Amino acid sequence: MNHPATLREALLADLVGDVARLLDRVEALRPTFTESTDNMTAAQASLLAQLAAFDSHIVALAEKAKLQTVKYILARTDEAANRTTEAQIRAMSAAARELFRSELEPALHGAAAPLRRLEQQAGRPWLRWLTHAATAAAASAGTWALVAHACGPGGAGT
């Protein structure tokens, strides 16, 4: 090889040598870049798979939350319905008691008055016998008056 004649040629020769070394180094990095690209592609695929699993997990959690919410709403609705039913039963019982007091109680007292009189008479049994005796005496007197009138003033059947 010839030695460079000028400084310019020497610098250019150095530059060409540096570029050749640089190209050799870049060529040496190519497998590393390829491996890094492959690793990044694999990481991307792994991340996509994990994202799909995460997405399905989130969907399952959302479904579970909806189910729990519906159960909670149903339980609270049942409790409210039970409280409302109990309140209606209490109101209807109170209305029935008031109706009984205002409407039926006076009618029952009126219907029970003869029974009370019988009960009072049952407490005094002689009163019933006295009524029977008075009836018998009135019947005898009526019969005697009828016979006396039929027979006339003089006696028993002329």
C-alpha atoms as a PDB file:
ATOM      1  CA  MET A   1       0.000   0.000   0.000  1.00  0.00           C
ATOM      2  CA  ASN A   2       0.992   3.476  -0.648  1.00  0.00           C
ATOM      3  CA  HIS A   3       1.410   5.978   2.072  1.00  0.00           C
ATOM      4  CA  PRO A   4      -0.771   9.041   1.903  1.00  0.00           C
ATOM      5  CA  ALA A   5       0.863  11.963   0.268  1.00  0.00           C
ATOM      6  CA  THR A   6      -1.041  14.714   1.978  1.00  0.00           C
ATOM      7  CA  LEU A   7      -2.630  15.281   5.316  1.00  0.00           C
ATOM      8  CA  ARG A   8      -5.949  15.304   3.639  1.00  0.00           C
ATOM      9  CA  GLU A   9      -5.474  11.847   2.277  1.00  0.00           C
ATOM     10  CA  ALA A  10      -4.325  10.678   5.691  1.00  0.00           C
ATOM     11  CA  LEU A  11      -7.435  12.055   7.383  1.00  0.00           C
ATOM     12  CA  LEU A  12      -9.620  10.530   4.709  1.00  0.00           C
ATOM     13  CA  ALA A  13      -7.957   7.170   5.169  1.00  0.00           C
ATOM     14  CA  ASP A  14      -8.520   7.417   8.932  1.00  0.00           C
ATOM     15  CA  LEU A  15     -12.121   8.359   8.320  1.00  0.00           C
ATOM     16  CA  VAL A  16     -12.690   5.415   6.008  1.00  0.00           C
ATOM     17  CA  GLY A  17     -11.124   3.137   8.623  1.00  0.00           C
ATOM     18  CA  ASP A  18     -13.362   4.591  11.357  1.00  0.00           C
ATOM     19  CA  VAL A  19     -16.445   4.154   9.155  1.00  0.00           C
ATOM     20  CA  ALA A  20     -15.459   0.548   8.460  1.00  0.00           C
ATOM     21  CA  ARG A  21     -15.075  -0.124  12.188  1.00  0.00           C
ATOM     22  CA  LEU A  22     -18.416   1.584  12.821  1.00  0.00           C
ATOM     23  CA  LEU A  23     -20.125  -0.559  10.178  1.00  0.00           C
ATOM     24  CA  ASP A  24     -18.577  -3.666  11.720  1.00  0.00           C
ATOM     25  CA  ARG A  25     -19.929  -2.670  15.113  1.00  0.00           C
ATOM     26  CA  VAL A  26     -23.396  -1.978  13.655  1.00  0.00           C
ATOM     27  CA  GLU A  27     -23.317  -5.386  11.964  1.00  0.00           C
ATOM     28  CA  ALA A  28     -22.375  -6.921  15.305  1.00  0.00           C
ATOM     29  CA  LEU A  29     -25.434  -5.253  16.903  1.00  0.00           C
ATOM     30  CA  ARG A  30     -27.870  -6.621  14.304  1.00  0.00           C
ATOM     31  CA  PRO A  31     -28.490  -9.970  16.148  1.00  0.00           C
ATOM     32  CA  THR A  32     -28.997  -8.049  19.382  1.00  0.00           C
ATOM     33  CA  PHE A  33     -31.553  -5.773  17.659  1.00  0.00           C
ATOM     34  CA  THR A  34     -33.278  -8.789  16.142  1.00  0.00           C
ATOM     35  CA  GLU A  35     -33.399 -10.533  19.521  1.00  0.00           C
ATOM     36  CA  SER A  36     -34.732  -7.351  21.152  1.00  0.00           C
ATOM     37  CA  THR A  37     -37.394  -7.034  18.458  1.00  0.00           C
ATOM     38  CA  ASP A  38     -38.392 -10.660  18.945  1.00  0.00           C
ATOM     39  CA  ASN A  39     -38.498 -10.159  22.718  1.00  0.00           C
ATOM     40  CA  MET A  40     -40.652  -7.029  22.313  1.00  0.00           C
ATOM     41  CA  THR A  41     -43.016  -8.891  19.980  1.00  0.00           C
ATOM     42  CA  ALA A  42     -43.295 -11.738  22.501  1.00  0.00           C
ATOM     43  CA  ALA A  43     -43.866  -9.227  25.316  1.00  0.00           C
ATOM     44  CA  GLN A  44     -46.576  -7.556  23.242  1.00  0.00           C
ATOM     45  CA  ALA A  45     -48.302 -10.904  22.652  1.00  0.00           C
ATOM     46  CA  SER A  46     -48.005 -11.747  26.354  1.00  0.00           C
ATOM     47  CA  LEU A  47     -49.434  -8.357  27.289  1.00  0.00           C
ATOM     48  CA  LEU A  48     -52.326  -8.841  24.870  1.00  0.00           C
ATOM     49  CA  ALA A  49     -53.088 -12.250  26.405  1.00  0.00           C
ATOM     50  CA  GLN A  50     -52.904 -10.787  29.906  1.00  0.00           C
ATOM     51  CA  LEU A  51     -55.106  -7.911  28.819  1.00  0.00           C
ATOM     52  CA  ALA A  52     -57.721 -10.347  27.472  1.00  0.00           C
ATOM     53  CA  ALA A  53     -57.620 -12.296  30.759  1.00  0.00           C
ATOM     54  CA  PHE A  54     -57.861  -9.048  32.711  1.00  0.00           C
ATOM     55  CA  ASP A  55     -60.764  -7.918  30.547  1.00  0.00           C
ATOM     56  CA  SER A  56     -62.659 -11.179  31.137  1.00  0.00           C
ATOM     57  CA  HIS A  57     -61.903 -10.917  34.868  1.00  0.00           C
ATOM     58  CA  ILE A  58     -63.278  -7.360  34.955  1.00  0.00           C
ATOM     59  CA  VAL A  59     -66.400  -8.488  33.066  1.00  0.00           C
ATOM     60  CA  ALA A  60     -66.897 -11.316  35.593  1.00  0.00           C
ATOM     61  CA  LEU A  61     -66.475  -8.874  38.479  1.00  0.00           C
ATOM     62  CA  ALA A  62     -69.005  -6.509  36.904  1.00  0.00           C
ATOM     63  CA  GLU A  63     -71.500  -9.371  36.487  1.00  0.00           C
ATOM     64  CA  LYS A  64     -70.974 -10.403  40.105  1.00  0.00           C
ATOM     65  CA  ALA A  65     -71.473  -6.798  41.227  1.00  0.00           C
ATOM     66  CA  LYS A  66     -74.705  -6.582  39.194  1.00  0.00           C
ATOM     67  CA  LEU A  67     -75.940  -9.832  40.718  1.00  0.00           C
ATOM     68  CA  GLN A  68     -75.124  -8.665  44.246  1.00  0.00           C
ATOM     69  CA  THR A  69     -76.836  -5.341  43.551  1.00  0.00           C
ATOM     70  CA  VAL A  70     -79.973  -7.064  42.287  1.00  0.00           C
ATOM     71  CA  LYS A  71     -80.011  -9.352  45.349  1.00  0.00           C
ATOM     72  CA  TYR A  72     -79.607  -6.335  47.624  1.00  0.00           C
ATOM     73  CA  ILE A  73     -82.421  -4.468  45.870  1.00  0.00           C
ATOM     74  CA  LEU A  74     -84.692  -7.541  46.075  1.00  0.00           C
ATOM     75  CA  ALA A  75     -83.976  -7.977  49.776  1.00  0.00           C
ATOM     76  CA  ARG A  76     -84.687  -4.303  50.518  1.00  0.00           C
ATOM     77  CA  THR A  77     -87.851  -4.458  48.373  1.00  0.00           C
ATOM     78  CA  ASP A  78     -89.058  -7.542  50.266  1.00  0.00           C
ATOM     79  CA  GLU A  79     -88.373  -5.815  53.585  1.00  0.00           C
ATOM     80  CA  ALA A  80     -90.288  -2.729  52.449  1.00  0.00           C
ATOM     81  CA  ALA A  81     -93.179  -4.887  51.226  1.00  0.00           C
ATOM     82  CA  ASN A  82     -93.281  -6.740  54.556  1.00  0.00           C
ATOM     83  CA  ARG A  83     -93.254  -3.469  56.495  1.00  0.00           C
ATOM     84  CA  THR A  84     -96.014  -2.099  54.261  1.00  0.00           C
ATOM     85  CA  THR A  85     -98.063  -5.276  54.680  1.00  0.00           C
ATOM     86  CA  GLU A  86     -97.671  -5.157  58.452  1.00  0.00           C
ATOM     87  CA  ALA A  87     -98.682  -1.483  58.490  1.00  0.00           C
ATOM     88  CA  GLN A  88    -101.748  -2.268  56.374  1.00  0.00           C
ATOM     89  CA  ILE A  89    -102.690  -5.146  58.680  1.00  0.00           C
ATOM     90  CA  ARG A  90    -102.386  -2.857  61.711  1.00  0.00           C
ATOM     91  CA  ALA A  91    -104.461  -0.171  59.962  1.00  0.00           C
ATOM     92  CA  MET A  92    -107.122  -2.675  58.922  1.00  0.00           C
ATOM     93  CA  SER A  93    -107.265  -4.111  62.462  1.00  0.00           C
ATOM     94  CA  ALA A  94    -107.658  -0.638  63.902  1.00  0.00           C
ATOM     95  CA  ALA A  95    -110.388   0.155  61.360  1.00  0.00           C
ATOM     96  CA  ALA A  96    -112.170  -3.128  62.152  1.00  0.00           C
ATOM     97  CA  ARG A  97    -112.020  -2.387  65.893  1.00  0.00           C
ATOM     98  CA  GLU A  98    -113.391   1.111  65.298  1.00  0.00           C
ATOM     99  CA  LEU A  99    -116.135  -0.260  63.024  1.00  0.00           C
ATOM    100  CA  PHE A 100    -117.048  -2.840  65.645  1.00  0.00           C
ATOM    101  CA  ARG A 101    -117.200  -0.169  68.333  1.00  0.00           C
ATOM    102  CA  SER A 102    -119.202   2.311  66.282  1.00  0.00           C
ATOM    103  CA  GLU A 103    -121.519   0.049  64.275  1.00  0.00           C
ATOM    104  CA  LEU A 104    -121.749  -3.461  65.628  1.00  0.00           C
ATOM    105  CA  GLU A 105    -121.471  -2.842  69.346  1.00  0.00           C
ATOM    106  CA  PRO A 106    -124.714  -0.796  69.570  1.00  0.00           C
ATOM    107  CA  ALA A 107    -126.569  -3.372  67.454  1.00  0.00           C
ATOM    108  CA  LEU A 108    -125.247  -6.190  69.635  1.00  0.00           C
ATOM    109  CA  HIS A 109    -126.258  -4.320  72.776  1.00  0.00           C
ATOM    110  CA  GLY A 110    -129.789  -3.935  71.349  1.00  0.00           C
ATOM    111  CA  ALA A 111    -129.955  -7.610  70.434  1.00  0.00           C
ATOM    112  CA  ALA A 112    -128.553  -8.604  73.814  1.00  0.00           C
ATOM    113  CA  ALA A 113    -131.126  -6.595  75.834  1.00  0.00           C
ATOM    114  CA  PRO A 114    -133.752  -9.369  75.807  1.00  0.00           C
ATOM    115  CA  LEU A 115    -131.068 -11.849  76.715  1.00  0.00           C
ATOM    116  CA  ARG A 116    -130.039  -9.649  79.632  1.00  0.00           C
ATOM    117  CA  ARG A 117    -133.658  -9.507  80.802  1.00  0.00           C
ATOM    118  CA  LEU A 118    -133.826 -13.294  80.630  1.00  0.00           C
ATOM    119  CA  GLU A 119    -130.583 -13.473  82.501  1.00  0.00           C
ATOM    120  CA  GLN A 120    -131.946 -11.151  85.171  1.00  0.00           C
ATOM    121  CA  GLN A 121    -135.096 -13.246  85.394  1.00  0.00           C
ATOM    122  CA  ALA A 122    -133.016 -16.399  85.590  1.00  0.00           C
ATOM    123  CA  GLY A 123    -131.408 -14.901  88.647  1.00  0.00           C
ATOM    124  CA  ARG A 124    -134.939 -14.679  90.173  1.00  0.00           C
ATOM    125  CA  PRO A 125    -136.754 -17.972  89.322  1.00  0.00           C
ATOM    126  CA  TRP A 126    -139.827 -17.058  91.447  1.00  0.00           C
ATOM    127  CA  LEU A 127    -140.540 -14.174  89.029  1.00  0.00           C
ATOM    128  CA  ARG A 128    -141.126 -16.646  86.201  1.00  0.00           C
ATOM    129  CA  TRP A 129    -143.477 -18.715  88.391  1.00  0.00           C
ATOM    130  CA  LEU A 130    -145.263 -15.564  89.431  1.00  0.00           C
ATOM    131  CA  THR A 131    -145.809 -14.715  85.750  1.00  0.00           C
ATOM    132  CA  HIS A 132    -147.266 -18.176  85.160  1.00  0.00           C
ATOM    133  CA  ALA A 133    -149.512 -17.905  88.226  1.00  0.00           C
ATOM    134  CA  ALA A 134    -150.744 -14.475  87.118  1.00  0.00           C
ATOM    135  CA  THR A 135    -151.509 -15.876  83.680  1.00  0.00           C
ATOM    136  CA  ALA A 136    -153.425 -18.823  85.179  1.00  0.00           C
ATOM    137  CA  ALA A 137    -155.367 -16.512  87.510  1.00  0.00           C
ATOM    138  CA  ALA A 138    -156.269 -14.186  84.626  1.00  0.00           C
ATOM    139  CA  ALA A 139    -157.390 -17.176  82.530  1.00  0.00           C
ATOM    140  CA  SER A 140    -159.547 -18.506  85.423  1.00  0.00           C
ATOM    141  CA  ALA A 141    -161.093 -15.126  86.002  1.00  0.00           C
ATOM    142  CA  GLY A 142    -161.803 -14.756  82.297  1.00  0.00           C
ATOM    143  CA  THR A 143    -163.384 -18.227  82.200  1.00  0.00           C
ATOM    144  CA  TRP A 144    -165.477 -17.510  85.296  1.00  0.00           C
ATOM    145  CA  ALA A 145    -166.655 -14.215  83.801  1.00  0.00           C
ATOM    146  CA  LEU A 146    -167.539 -15.921  80.537  1.00  0.00           C
ATOM    147  CA  VAL A 147    -169.470 -18.679  82.273  1.00  0.00           C
ATOM    148  CA  ALA A 148    -171.225 -16.180  84.525  1.00  0.00           C
ATOM    149  CA  HIS A 149    -172.241 -14.077  81.602  1.00  0.00           C
ATOM    150  CA  ALA A 150    -173.404 -17.062  79.558  1.00  0.00           C
ATOM    151  CA  CYS A 151    -175.488 -18.458  82.320  1.00  0.00           C
ATOM    152  CA  GLY A 152    -177.249 -15.297  83.098  1.00  0.00           C
ATOM    153  CA  PRO A 153    -178.050 -13.661  86.401  1.00  0.00           C
ATOM    154  CA  GLY A 154    -179.840 -16.572  87.943  1.00  0.00           C
ATOM    155  CA  GLY A 155    -177.447 -19.352  87.851  1.00  0.00           C
ATOM    156  CA  ALA A 156    -176.085 -22.137  85.907  1.00  0.00           C
ATOM    157  CA  GLY A 157    -177.974 -22.708  82.745  1.00  0.00           C
ATOM    158  CA  THR A 158    -181.637 -22.381  82.530  1.00  0.00           C
END
